[in-house]
């Protein structure tokens, strides 16, 4: 295949899978509502199960649920019948996934759910399937044309199940009031974790703060800019509240032979951009990029308690 044919084939796959995804709207009905409400009310975990490609998708859905505030655990349908059923409690619910809805390897876990009255939820593409008919509530998707040219390998159907799983997880996230602060607890590693670090954890504080009183001469303020190495100095009033900032740009705009005799108040830019201690690294980077600034003061009731430089944030996020 030449380049043109390769790209054409890839675009065809994308087109077929997008058509399948667009049919998911019909799944968002009372059954979807009941599945979400059941998961929301349980005291235990969501046990997600499947086999083959559905098993891989189930594992991912379980991981997404856990990371967004709905404790979950994946159990392989075959392994369930060889001891892993012991990992399911009466406080849990089961979310079983099968494209055909007829996967016989699920029988063990389905019978276990019925025996111990554990809510059985499902995502499948077969209204006449065993899985759907044994479920407390089942989400049915319209069986799609697979992106596989033989219409055999689970491709479009796997993508659709994944999207339905995401819809469940994110709906639950909203219902539970899950916030960025919770997200950071579950994602301490990787780039996501770094972006969710609070500025209070990395800010420079106390003696490191570059601060100058409003009535101090610029000769003193200039020394503080040089000594503290942030390229700026914050200007505070009698109440120790931040009322301005002096940056390299302010120095250039006021540069003349009398600058060292001016006060910080005369040179400063008023109403500098400030943030609070709970601001996340990712948010701070966005603010600094938008405002085109390189340092950011952290304040409590406008009293500076810390400062971060863009290099501090970029080092953490790299």
C-alpha atoms as a PDB file:
ATOM      1  CA  UNK A   1       0.000   0.000   0.000  1.00  0.00           C
ATOM      2  CA  UNK A   2       1.278   3.459  -0.827  1.00  0.00           C
ATOM      3  CA  UNK A   3       0.997   6.505   1.416  1.00  0.00           C
ATOM      4  CA  UNK A   4      -2.336   7.619  -0.047  1.00  0.00           C
ATOM      5  CA  UNK A   5      -3.963   4.230   0.466  1.00  0.00           C
ATOM      6  CA  UNK A   6      -2.627   3.904   4.016  1.00  0.00           C
ATOM      7  CA  UNK A   7      -4.034   7.303   5.026  1.00  0.00           C
ATOM      8  CA  UNK A   8      -7.295   6.553   3.239  1.00  0.00           C
ATOM      9  CA  UNK A   9      -7.685   3.304   5.151  1.00  0.00           C
ATOM     10  CA  UNK A  10      -6.996   5.030   8.473  1.00  0.00           C
ATOM     11  CA  UNK A  11      -9.601   7.706   7.727  1.00  0.00           C
ATOM     12  CA  UNK A  12     -12.106   4.996   6.834  1.00  0.00           C
ATOM     13  CA  UNK A  13     -11.579   3.369  10.247  1.00  0.00           C
ATOM     14  CA  UNK A  14     -12.101   6.727  11.948  1.00  0.00           C
ATOM     15  CA  UNK A  15     -15.278   7.383   9.955  1.00  0.00           C
ATOM     16  CA  UNK A  16     -16.771   3.975  10.775  1.00  0.00           C
ATOM     17  CA  UNK A  17     -16.021   4.264  14.491  1.00  0.00           C
ATOM     18  CA  UNK A  18     -17.409   7.799  14.669  1.00  0.00           C
ATOM     19  CA  UNK A  19     -20.679   6.574  13.154  1.00  0.00           C
ATOM     20  CA  UNK A  20     -20.869   3.961  15.879  1.00  0.00           C
ATOM     21  CA  UNK A  21     -20.177   6.494  18.623  1.00  0.00           C
ATOM     22  CA  UNK A  22     -22.951   8.763  17.352  1.00  0.00           C
ATOM     23  CA  UNK A  23     -25.506   5.997  17.949  1.00  0.00           C
ATOM     24  CA  UNK A  24     -24.666   5.935  21.683  1.00  0.00           C
ATOM     25  CA  UNK A  25     -27.160   8.735  22.313  1.00  0.00           C
ATOM     26  CA  UNK A  26     -29.912   6.126  22.069  1.00  0.00           C
ATOM     27  CA  UNK A  27     -28.315   4.300  25.039  1.00  0.00           C
ATOM     28  CA  UNK A  28     -28.714   7.291  27.324  1.00  0.00           C
ATOM     29  CA  UNK A  29     -32.133   6.298  28.607  1.00  0.00           C
ATOM     30  CA  UNK A  30     -33.750   4.978  31.796  1.00  0.00           C
ATOM     31  CA  UNK A  31     -31.406   1.992  31.798  1.00  0.00           C
ATOM     32  CA  UNK A  32     -28.340   4.254  31.793  1.00  0.00           C
ATOM     33  CA  UNK A  33     -29.910   6.310  34.580  1.00  0.00           C
ATOM     34  CA  UNK A  34     -30.580   3.202  36.679  1.00  0.00           C
ATOM     35  CA  UNK A  35     -27.044   1.887  36.181  1.00  0.00           C
ATOM     36  CA  UNK A  36     -25.548   5.185  37.338  1.00  0.00           C
ATOM     37  CA  UNK A  37     -27.934   5.494  40.306  1.00  0.00           C
ATOM     38  CA  UNK A  38     -27.165   1.938  41.414  1.00  0.00           C
ATOM     39  CA  UNK A  39     -23.416   2.586  41.360  1.00  0.00           C
ATOM     40  CA  UNK A  40     -23.888   5.907  43.161  1.00  0.00           C
ATOM     41  CA  UNK A  41     -25.819   4.273  46.018  1.00  0.00           C
ATOM     42  CA  UNK A  42     -23.622   1.231  46.694  1.00  0.00           C
ATOM     43  CA  UNK A  43     -21.418   1.238  49.781  1.00  0.00           C
ATOM     44  CA  UNK A  44     -18.756  -1.005  48.270  1.00  0.00           C
ATOM     45  CA  UNK A  45     -16.946  -1.114  44.937  1.00  0.00           C
ATOM     46  CA  UNK A  46     -17.863  -1.485  41.293  1.00  0.00           C
ATOM     47  CA  UNK A  47     -16.603  -4.883  40.152  1.00  0.00           C
ATOM     48  CA  UNK A  48     -16.061  -4.610  36.397  1.00  0.00           C
ATOM     49  CA  UNK A  49     -15.702  -7.835  34.456  1.00  0.00           C
ATOM     50  CA  UNK A  50     -15.372  -9.122  30.904  1.00  0.00           C
ATOM     51  CA  UNK A  51     -13.266 -11.364  28.718  1.00  0.00           C
ATOM     52  CA  UNK A  52     -11.231 -10.904  25.543  1.00  0.00           C
ATOM     53  CA  UNK A  53     -11.352  -7.370  24.118  1.00  0.00           C
ATOM     54  CA  UNK A  54     -14.277  -6.611  26.410  1.00  0.00           C
ATOM     55  CA  UNK A  55     -12.041  -7.600  29.319  1.00  0.00           C
ATOM     56  CA  UNK A  56      -9.396  -5.085  28.294  1.00  0.00           C
ATOM     57  CA  UNK A  57     -12.036  -2.372  27.979  1.00  0.00           C
ATOM     58  CA  UNK A  58     -13.523  -3.395  31.333  1.00  0.00           C
ATOM     59  CA  UNK A  59     -10.103  -3.028  32.961  1.00  0.00           C
ATOM     60  CA  UNK A  60      -9.791   0.503  31.604  1.00  0.00           C
ATOM     61  CA  UNK A  61     -13.313   1.467  32.701  1.00  0.00           C
ATOM     62  CA  UNK A  62     -12.540   0.152  36.182  1.00  0.00           C
ATOM     63  CA  UNK A  63      -9.375   2.265  36.304  1.00  0.00           C
ATOM     64  CA  UNK A  64     -11.284   5.375  35.195  1.00  0.00           C
ATOM     65  CA  UNK A  65     -13.972   4.823  37.839  1.00  0.00           C
ATOM     66  CA  UNK A  66     -11.378   4.429  40.589  1.00  0.00           C
ATOM     67  CA  UNK A  67      -9.442   7.532  39.566  1.00  0.00           C
ATOM     68  CA  UNK A  68     -12.578   9.689  39.476  1.00  0.00           C
ATOM     69  CA  UNK A  69     -14.043   8.868  42.865  1.00  0.00           C
ATOM     70  CA  UNK A  70     -15.931   5.567  42.348  1.00  0.00           C
ATOM     71  CA  UNK A  71     -13.858   2.757  43.924  1.00  0.00           C
ATOM     72  CA  UNK A  72     -13.618  -0.097  41.449  1.00  0.00           C
ATOM     73  CA  UNK A  73     -11.845  -3.381  40.836  1.00  0.00           C
ATOM     74  CA  UNK A  74     -11.458  -5.465  37.669  1.00  0.00           C
ATOM     75  CA  UNK A  75     -11.991  -9.218  37.822  1.00  0.00           C
ATOM     76  CA  UNK A  76     -11.314 -11.368  34.773  1.00  0.00           C
ATOM     77  CA  UNK A  77     -14.445 -13.378  33.995  1.00  0.00           C
ATOM     78  CA  UNK A  78     -12.581 -16.689  33.719  1.00  0.00           C
ATOM     79  CA  UNK A  79     -10.476 -16.146  36.835  1.00  0.00           C
ATOM     80  CA  UNK A  80     -13.661 -15.300  38.738  1.00  0.00           C
ATOM     81  CA  UNK A  81     -14.706 -18.949  38.591  1.00  0.00           C
ATOM     82  CA  UNK A  82     -11.301 -20.026  39.902  1.00  0.00           C
ATOM     83  CA  UNK A  83     -11.320 -18.181  43.210  1.00  0.00           C
ATOM     84  CA  UNK A  84     -11.586 -14.504  42.343  1.00  0.00           C
ATOM     85  CA  UNK A  85     -15.302 -14.477  43.189  1.00  0.00           C
ATOM     86  CA  UNK A  86     -14.041 -14.185  46.758  1.00  0.00           C
ATOM     87  CA  UNK A  87     -13.109 -10.606  45.967  1.00  0.00           C
ATOM     88  CA  UNK A  88     -16.761  -9.600  45.561  1.00  0.00           C
ATOM     89  CA  UNK A  89     -18.750  -8.583  48.646  1.00  0.00           C
ATOM     90  CA  UNK A  90     -22.458  -8.018  49.267  1.00  0.00           C
ATOM     91  CA  UNK A  91     -21.790  -4.266  49.374  1.00  0.00           C
ATOM     92  CA  UNK A  92     -20.456  -4.265  45.805  1.00  0.00           C
ATOM     93  CA  UNK A  93     -22.181  -4.195  42.442  1.00  0.00           C
ATOM     94  CA  UNK A  94     -21.036  -5.925  39.264  1.00  0.00           C
ATOM     95  CA  UNK A  95     -20.702  -4.237  35.885  1.00  0.00           C
ATOM     96  CA  UNK A  96     -20.341  -6.974  33.249  1.00  0.00           C
ATOM     97  CA  UNK A  97     -19.324  -6.167  29.681  1.00  0.00           C
ATOM     98  CA  UNK A  98     -19.898  -8.265  26.580  1.00  0.00           C
ATOM     99  CA  UNK A  99     -20.469  -7.242  22.985  1.00  0.00           C
ATOM    100  CA  UNK A 100     -22.462 -10.387  22.171  1.00  0.00           C
ATOM    101  CA  UNK A 101     -24.075 -10.722  25.598  1.00  0.00           C
ATOM    102  CA  UNK A 102     -23.696 -14.481  25.211  1.00  0.00           C
ATOM    103  CA  UNK A 103     -20.172 -15.031  26.561  1.00  0.00           C
ATOM    104  CA  UNK A 104     -20.410 -18.301  28.503  1.00  0.00           C
ATOM    105  CA  UNK A 105     -17.323 -17.460  30.597  1.00  0.00           C
ATOM    106  CA  UNK A 106     -19.488 -14.876  32.379  1.00  0.00           C
ATOM    107  CA  UNK A 107     -21.892 -17.516  33.711  1.00  0.00           C
ATOM    108  CA  UNK A 108     -19.976 -18.072  36.943  1.00  0.00           C
ATOM    109  CA  UNK A 109     -20.024 -14.444  37.949  1.00  0.00           C
ATOM    110  CA  UNK A 110     -23.645 -13.982  36.805  1.00  0.00           C
ATOM    111  CA  UNK A 111     -24.827 -16.894  38.923  1.00  0.00           C
ATOM    112  CA  UNK A 112     -22.800 -15.633  41.872  1.00  0.00           C
ATOM    113  CA  UNK A 113     -24.510 -12.239  41.620  1.00  0.00           C
ATOM    114  CA  UNK A 114     -27.951 -13.880  41.639  1.00  0.00           C
ATOM    115  CA  UNK A 115     -27.076 -16.243  44.499  1.00  0.00           C
ATOM    116  CA  UNK A 116     -25.925 -13.461  46.825  1.00  0.00           C
ATOM    117  CA  UNK A 117     -28.327 -10.769  45.579  1.00  0.00           C
ATOM    118  CA  UNK A 118     -25.524  -8.534  44.295  1.00  0.00           C
ATOM    119  CA  UNK A 119     -26.722  -5.880  41.805  1.00  0.00           C
ATOM    120  CA  UNK A 120     -25.746  -6.981  38.303  1.00  0.00           C
ATOM    121  CA  UNK A 121     -25.302  -4.200  35.741  1.00  0.00           C
ATOM    122  CA  UNK A 122     -24.241  -4.671  32.151  1.00  0.00           C
ATOM    123  CA  UNK A 123     -23.184  -3.083  28.888  1.00  0.00           C
ATOM    124  CA  UNK A 124     -23.921  -5.222  25.829  1.00  0.00           C
ATOM    125  CA  UNK A 125     -25.153  -5.157  22.262  1.00  0.00           C
ATOM    126  CA  UNK A 126     -27.711  -7.973  22.377  1.00  0.00           C
ATOM    127  CA  UNK A 127     -31.182  -7.520  23.837  1.00  0.00           C
ATOM    128  CA  UNK A 128     -31.789 -11.297  23.612  1.00  0.00           C
ATOM    129  CA  UNK A 129     -28.470 -12.155  25.237  1.00  0.00           C
ATOM    130  CA  UNK A 130     -28.113 -13.991  28.539  1.00  0.00           C
ATOM    131  CA  UNK A 131     -26.194 -11.073  30.051  1.00  0.00           C
ATOM    132  CA  UNK A 132     -28.867  -8.462  29.396  1.00  0.00           C
ATOM    133  CA  UNK A 133     -31.700 -10.721  30.564  1.00  0.00           C
ATOM    134  CA  UNK A 134     -29.960 -11.635  33.826  1.00  0.00           C
ATOM    135  CA  UNK A 135     -29.017  -8.024  34.619  1.00  0.00           C
ATOM    136  CA  UNK A 136     -30.708  -5.846  37.212  1.00  0.00           C
ATOM    137  CA  UNK A 137     -30.166  -3.007  34.739  1.00  0.00           C
ATOM    138  CA  UNK A 138     -28.484  -3.246  31.352  1.00  0.00           C
ATOM    139  CA  UNK A 139     -27.271  -0.639  28.908  1.00  0.00           C
ATOM    140  CA  UNK A 140     -27.859  -1.757  25.336  1.00  0.00           C
ATOM    141  CA  UNK A 141     -25.953  -0.277  22.425  1.00  0.00           C
ATOM    142  CA  UNK A 142     -26.863  -0.685  18.784  1.00  0.00           C
ATOM    143  CA  UNK A 143     -24.617  -3.379  17.302  1.00  0.00           C
ATOM    144  CA  UNK A 144     -22.347  -1.468  14.918  1.00  0.00           C
ATOM    145  CA  UNK A 145     -20.382  -2.222  11.784  1.00  0.00           C
ATOM    146  CA  UNK A 146     -16.878  -3.026  12.980  1.00  0.00           C
ATOM    147  CA  UNK A 147     -13.987  -1.023  11.529  1.00  0.00           C
ATOM    148  CA  UNK A 148     -12.392  -4.376  10.726  1.00  0.00           C
ATOM    149  CA  UNK A 149     -13.032  -4.990   6.992  1.00  0.00           C
ATOM    150  CA  UNK A 150     -14.090  -8.542   7.869  1.00  0.00           C
ATOM    151  CA  UNK A 151     -16.584  -7.111  10.397  1.00  0.00           C
ATOM    152  CA  UNK A 152     -15.151  -9.541  12.949  1.00  0.00           C
ATOM    153  CA  UNK A 153     -12.457  -7.965  15.150  1.00  0.00           C
ATOM    154  CA  UNK A 154     -14.031  -5.881  17.955  1.00  0.00           C
ATOM    155  CA  UNK A 155     -13.108  -2.331  16.983  1.00  0.00           C
ATOM    156  CA  UNK A 156     -16.096  -0.013  16.711  1.00  0.00           C
ATOM    157  CA  UNK A 157     -17.939  -1.953  19.423  1.00  0.00           C
ATOM    158  CA  UNK A 158     -14.949  -1.747  21.798  1.00  0.00           C
ATOM    159  CA  UNK A 159     -14.701   2.000  21.259  1.00  0.00           C
ATOM    160  CA  UNK A 160     -18.421   2.423  21.912  1.00  0.00           C
ATOM    161  CA  UNK A 161     -18.232   0.469  25.184  1.00  0.00           C
ATOM    162  CA  UNK A 162     -15.273   2.566  26.254  1.00  0.00           C
ATOM    163  CA  UNK A 163     -17.217   5.772  25.589  1.00  0.00           C
ATOM    164  CA  UNK A 164     -20.229   4.468  27.535  1.00  0.00           C
ATOM    165  CA  UNK A 165     -17.902   3.638  30.431  1.00  0.00           C
ATOM    166  CA  UNK A 166     -16.489   7.157  30.340  1.00  0.00           C
ATOM    167  CA  UNK A 167     -20.019   8.575  30.353  1.00  0.00           C
ATOM    168  CA  UNK A 168     -20.825   6.537  33.467  1.00  0.00           C
ATOM    169  CA  UNK A 169     -17.613   7.547  35.260  1.00  0.00           C
ATOM    170  CA  UNK A 170     -17.830  11.255  34.525  1.00  0.00           C
ATOM    171  CA  UNK A 171     -21.544  11.428  35.383  1.00  0.00           C
ATOM    172  CA  UNK A 172     -20.706   9.848  38.746  1.00  0.00           C
ATOM    173  CA  UNK A 173     -17.820  12.299  39.176  1.00  0.00           C
ATOM    174  CA  UNK A 174     -20.276  15.197  38.863  1.00  0.00           C
ATOM    175  CA  UNK A 175     -22.821  13.555  41.175  1.00  0.00           C
ATOM    176  CA  UNK A 176     -20.200  13.018  43.879  1.00  0.00           C
ATOM    177  CA  UNK A 177     -18.819  16.539  43.661  1.00  0.00           C
ATOM    178  CA  UNK A 178     -15.357  15.206  42.811  1.00  0.00           C
ATOM    179  CA  UNK A 179     -12.854  18.096  42.675  1.00  0.00           C
ATOM    180  CA  UNK A 180      -9.298  18.674  41.453  1.00  0.00           C
ATOM    181  CA  UNK A 181      -8.068  18.346  45.035  1.00  0.00           C
ATOM    182  CA  UNK A 182      -9.495  14.816  45.168  1.00  0.00           C
ATOM    183  CA  UNK A 183      -8.030  14.013  41.759  1.00  0.00           C
ATOM    184  CA  UNK A 184      -4.533  14.946  42.946  1.00  0.00           C
ATOM    185  CA  UNK A 185      -4.787  12.430  45.804  1.00  0.00           C
ATOM    186  CA  UNK A 186      -5.295   9.592  43.312  1.00  0.00           C
ATOM    187  CA  UNK A 187      -2.717  10.890  40.779  1.00  0.00           C
ATOM    188  CA  UNK A 188       0.432  11.791  42.758  1.00  0.00           C
ATOM    189  CA  UNK A 189       2.698  10.597  39.946  1.00  0.00           C
ATOM    190  CA  UNK A 190       3.194  11.527  36.304  1.00  0.00           C
ATOM    191  CA  UNK A 191       2.506  14.837  34.598  1.00  0.00           C
ATOM    192  CA  UNK A 192      -1.090  14.940  35.847  1.00  0.00           C
ATOM    193  CA  UNK A 193       0.122  14.630  39.422  1.00  0.00           C
ATOM    194  CA  UNK A 194       2.685  17.364  38.951  1.00  0.00           C
ATOM    195  CA  UNK A 195       0.136  19.777  37.518  1.00  0.00           C
ATOM    196  CA  UNK A 196      -2.132  19.085  40.500  1.00  0.00           C
ATOM    197  CA  UNK A 197       0.463  20.017  43.123  1.00  0.00           C
ATOM    198  CA  UNK A 198      -0.606  23.069  45.128  1.00  0.00           C
ATOM    199  CA  UNK A 199       1.600  26.158  45.090  1.00  0.00           C
ATOM    200  CA  UNK A 200       1.803  26.021  48.888  1.00  0.00           C
ATOM    201  CA  UNK A 201       3.920  22.876  48.488  1.00  0.00           C
ATOM    202  CA  UNK A 202       6.580  24.464  46.279  1.00  0.00           C
ATOM    203  CA  UNK A 203       6.475  28.231  46.894  1.00  0.00           C
ATOM    204  CA  UNK A 204       9.374  30.279  48.223  1.00  0.00           C
ATOM    205  CA  UNK A 205       8.435  31.950  51.501  1.00  0.00           C
ATOM    206  CA  UNK A 206       9.573  33.965  54.540  1.00  0.00           C
ATOM    207  CA  UNK A 207      13.108  35.316  54.052  1.00  0.00           C
ATOM    208  CA  UNK A 208      13.094  34.361  50.363  1.00  0.00           C
ATOM    209  CA  UNK A 209      10.269  36.770  49.572  1.00  0.00           C
ATOM    210  CA  UNK A 210      11.349  39.836  47.548  1.00  0.00           C
ATOM    211  CA  UNK A 211       9.419  42.599  49.307  1.00  0.00           C
ATOM    212  CA  UNK A 212       9.893  46.321  49.592  1.00  0.00           C
ATOM    213  CA  UNK A 213       7.928  48.891  51.613  1.00  0.00           C
ATOM    214  CA  UNK A 214       5.997  51.427  49.568  1.00  0.00           C
ATOM    215  CA  UNK A 215       8.093  54.365  50.866  1.00  0.00           C
ATOM    216  CA  UNK A 216      11.506  52.727  50.425  1.00  0.00           C
ATOM    217  CA  UNK A 217      13.901  54.260  47.944  1.00  0.00           C
ATOM    218  CA  UNK A 218      14.481  52.442  44.696  1.00  0.00           C
ATOM    219  CA  UNK A 219      18.137  52.090  45.612  1.00  0.00           C
ATOM    220  CA  UNK A 220      17.026  49.579  48.276  1.00  0.00           C
ATOM    221  CA  UNK A 221      14.375  47.967  46.079  1.00  0.00           C
ATOM    222  CA  UNK A 222      16.946  47.391  43.305  1.00  0.00           C
ATOM    223  CA  UNK A 223      19.221  45.567  45.722  1.00  0.00           C
ATOM    224  CA  UNK A 224      16.348  43.283  46.766  1.00  0.00           C
ATOM    225  CA  UNK A 225      15.519  42.505  43.129  1.00  0.00           C
ATOM    226  CA  UNK A 226      19.130  41.482  42.588  1.00  0.00           C
ATOM    227  CA  UNK A 227      19.514  39.541  45.834  1.00  0.00           C
ATOM    228  CA  UNK A 228      16.304  37.513  45.630  1.00  0.00           C
ATOM    229  CA  UNK A 229      16.733  36.549  41.950  1.00  0.00           C
ATOM    230  CA  UNK A 230      13.047  36.578  40.987  1.00  0.00           C
ATOM    231  CA  UNK A 231      13.361  39.528  38.611  1.00  0.00           C
ATOM    232  CA  UNK A 232      10.847  41.512  40.636  1.00  0.00           C
ATOM    233  CA  UNK A 233       9.994  42.908  44.039  1.00  0.00           C
ATOM    234  CA  UNK A 234       6.559  43.126  45.660  1.00  0.00           C
ATOM    235  CA  UNK A 235       5.540  46.426  47.203  1.00  0.00           C
ATOM    236  CA  UNK A 236       3.671  46.351  50.535  1.00  0.00           C
ATOM    237  CA  UNK A 237       1.840  49.047  52.497  1.00  0.00           C
ATOM    238  CA  UNK A 238       1.785  49.744  56.241  1.00  0.00           C
ATOM    239  CA  UNK A 239      -0.522  46.758  56.770  1.00  0.00           C
ATOM    240  CA  UNK A 240       1.914  44.477  54.915  1.00  0.00           C
ATOM    241  CA  UNK A 241      -0.573  44.026  52.083  1.00  0.00           C
ATOM    242  CA  UNK A 242       0.663  43.733  48.525  1.00  0.00           C
ATOM    243  CA  UNK A 243      -0.271  46.876  46.612  1.00  0.00           C
ATOM    244  CA  UNK A 244       2.102  46.648  43.660  1.00  0.00           C
ATOM    245  CA  UNK A 245       5.022  44.990  41.936  1.00  0.00           C
ATOM    246  CA  UNK A 246       8.202  46.251  40.334  1.00  0.00           C
ATOM    247  CA  UNK A 247       9.538  44.220  37.429  1.00  0.00           C
ATOM    248  CA  UNK A 248      12.281  44.644  34.848  1.00  0.00           C
ATOM    249  CA  UNK A 249       9.697  46.293  32.619  1.00  0.00           C
ATOM    250  CA  UNK A 250       8.883  48.899  35.282  1.00  0.00           C
ATOM    251  CA  UNK A 251      12.583  49.652  35.662  1.00  0.00           C
ATOM    252  CA  UNK A 252      13.002  50.212  31.921  1.00  0.00           C
ATOM    253  CA  UNK A 253       9.955  52.474  31.789  1.00  0.00           C
ATOM    254  CA  UNK A 254      11.258  54.596  34.655  1.00  0.00           C
ATOM    255  CA  UNK A 255      14.945  54.501  33.828  1.00  0.00           C
ATOM    256  CA  UNK A 256      16.597  57.905  34.267  1.00  0.00           C
ATOM    257  CA  UNK A 257      19.319  59.366  36.451  1.00  0.00           C
ATOM    258  CA  UNK A 258      16.866  59.998  39.303  1.00  0.00           C
ATOM    259  CA  UNK A 259      15.409  56.487  39.507  1.00  0.00           C
ATOM    260  CA  UNK A 260      17.355  55.482  42.610  1.00  0.00           C
ATOM    261  CA  UNK A 261      15.864  58.443  44.477  1.00  0.00           C
ATOM    262  CA  UNK A 262      12.288  57.552  43.605  1.00  0.00           C
ATOM    263  CA  UNK A 263      10.157  55.522  46.005  1.00  0.00           C
ATOM    264  CA  UNK A 264       8.864  52.046  45.258  1.00  0.00           C
ATOM    265  CA  UNK A 265       5.358  53.525  45.181  1.00  0.00           C
ATOM    266  CA  UNK A 266       6.306  55.833  42.302  1.00  0.00           C
ATOM    267  CA  UNK A 267       7.725  53.065  40.115  1.00  0.00           C
ATOM    268  CA  UNK A 268       5.492  50.072  40.866  1.00  0.00           C
ATOM    269  CA  UNK A 269       2.666  48.656  38.780  1.00  0.00           C
ATOM    270  CA  UNK A 270      -0.516  48.595  40.861  1.00  0.00           C
ATOM    271  CA  UNK A 271      -2.876  45.645  41.368  1.00  0.00           C
ATOM    272  CA  UNK A 272      -0.487  42.808  40.511  1.00  0.00           C
ATOM    273  CA  UNK A 273      -1.820  39.358  39.674  1.00  0.00           C
ATOM    274  CA  UNK A 274      -1.910  37.179  42.797  1.00  0.00           C
ATOM    275  CA  UNK A 275      -3.150  33.690  43.635  1.00  0.00           C
ATOM    276  CA  UNK A 276      -3.917  31.703  46.787  1.00  0.00           C
ATOM    277  CA  UNK A 277      -2.051  28.803  48.352  1.00  0.00           C
ATOM    278  CA  UNK A 278      -4.509  26.236  46.971  1.00  0.00           C
ATOM    279  CA  UNK A 279      -3.838  27.238  43.361  1.00  0.00           C
ATOM    280  CA  UNK A 280      -2.535  24.268  41.380  1.00  0.00           C
ATOM    281  CA  UNK A 281       0.684  24.247  39.367  1.00  0.00           C
ATOM    282  CA  UNK A 282      -1.215  23.661  36.132  1.00  0.00           C
ATOM    283  CA  UNK A 283      -3.483  26.641  36.832  1.00  0.00           C
ATOM    284  CA  UNK A 284      -0.533  28.856  37.735  1.00  0.00           C
ATOM    285  CA  UNK A 285       1.257  28.036  34.471  1.00  0.00           C
ATOM    286  CA  UNK A 286      -1.857  29.017  32.524  1.00  0.00           C
ATOM    287  CA  UNK A 287      -2.158  32.294  34.418  1.00  0.00           C
ATOM    288  CA  UNK A 288       1.491  33.184  33.851  1.00  0.00           C
ATOM    289  CA  UNK A 289       1.277  32.360  30.156  1.00  0.00           C
ATOM    290  CA  UNK A 290      -1.892  34.415  29.765  1.00  0.00           C
ATOM    291  CA  UNK A 291      -0.546  37.417  31.685  1.00  0.00           C
ATOM    292  CA  UNK A 292       2.953  37.058  30.165  1.00  0.00           C
ATOM    293  CA  UNK A 293       4.592  37.220  33.604  1.00  0.00           C
ATOM    294  CA  UNK A 294       7.423  35.158  35.061  1.00  0.00           C
ATOM    295  CA  UNK A 295       6.716  35.408  38.804  1.00  0.00           C
ATOM    296  CA  UNK A 296       3.542  35.057  40.813  1.00  0.00           C
ATOM    297  CA  UNK A 297       2.870  36.114  44.406  1.00  0.00           C
ATOM    298  CA  UNK A 298       0.792  33.871  46.657  1.00  0.00           C
ATOM    299  CA  UNK A 299      -1.292  35.888  49.107  1.00  0.00           C
ATOM    300  CA  UNK A 300      -3.635  35.397  52.042  1.00  0.00           C
ATOM    301  CA  UNK A 301      -6.002  38.375  52.289  1.00  0.00           C
ATOM    302  CA  UNK A 302      -3.543  40.253  50.037  1.00  0.00           C
ATOM    303  CA  UNK A 303      -0.655  39.631  52.430  1.00  0.00           C
ATOM    304  CA  UNK A 304       2.173  37.885  50.519  1.00  0.00           C
ATOM    305  CA  UNK A 305       3.124  34.500  51.964  1.00  0.00           C
ATOM    306  CA  UNK A 306       4.978  33.063  48.984  1.00  0.00           C
ATOM    307  CA  UNK A 307       6.232  33.479  45.442  1.00  0.00           C
ATOM    308  CA  UNK A 308       6.892  31.132  42.537  1.00  0.00           C
ATOM    309  CA  UNK A 309       8.914  31.668  39.378  1.00  0.00           C
ATOM    310  CA  UNK A 310       7.917  30.130  36.062  1.00  0.00           C
ATOM    311  CA  UNK A 311      11.100  28.033  36.188  1.00  0.00           C
ATOM    312  CA  UNK A 312       9.904  26.430  39.448  1.00  0.00           C
ATOM    313  CA  UNK A 313       6.727  25.297  37.725  1.00  0.00           C
ATOM    314  CA  UNK A 314       8.334  24.163  34.489  1.00  0.00           C
ATOM    315  CA  UNK A 315      10.914  22.092  36.360  1.00  0.00           C
ATOM    316  CA  UNK A 316       8.120  20.347  38.216  1.00  0.00           C
ATOM    317  CA  UNK A 317       6.054  19.696  35.067  1.00  0.00           C
ATOM    318  CA  UNK A 318       8.926  18.498  32.900  1.00  0.00           C
END
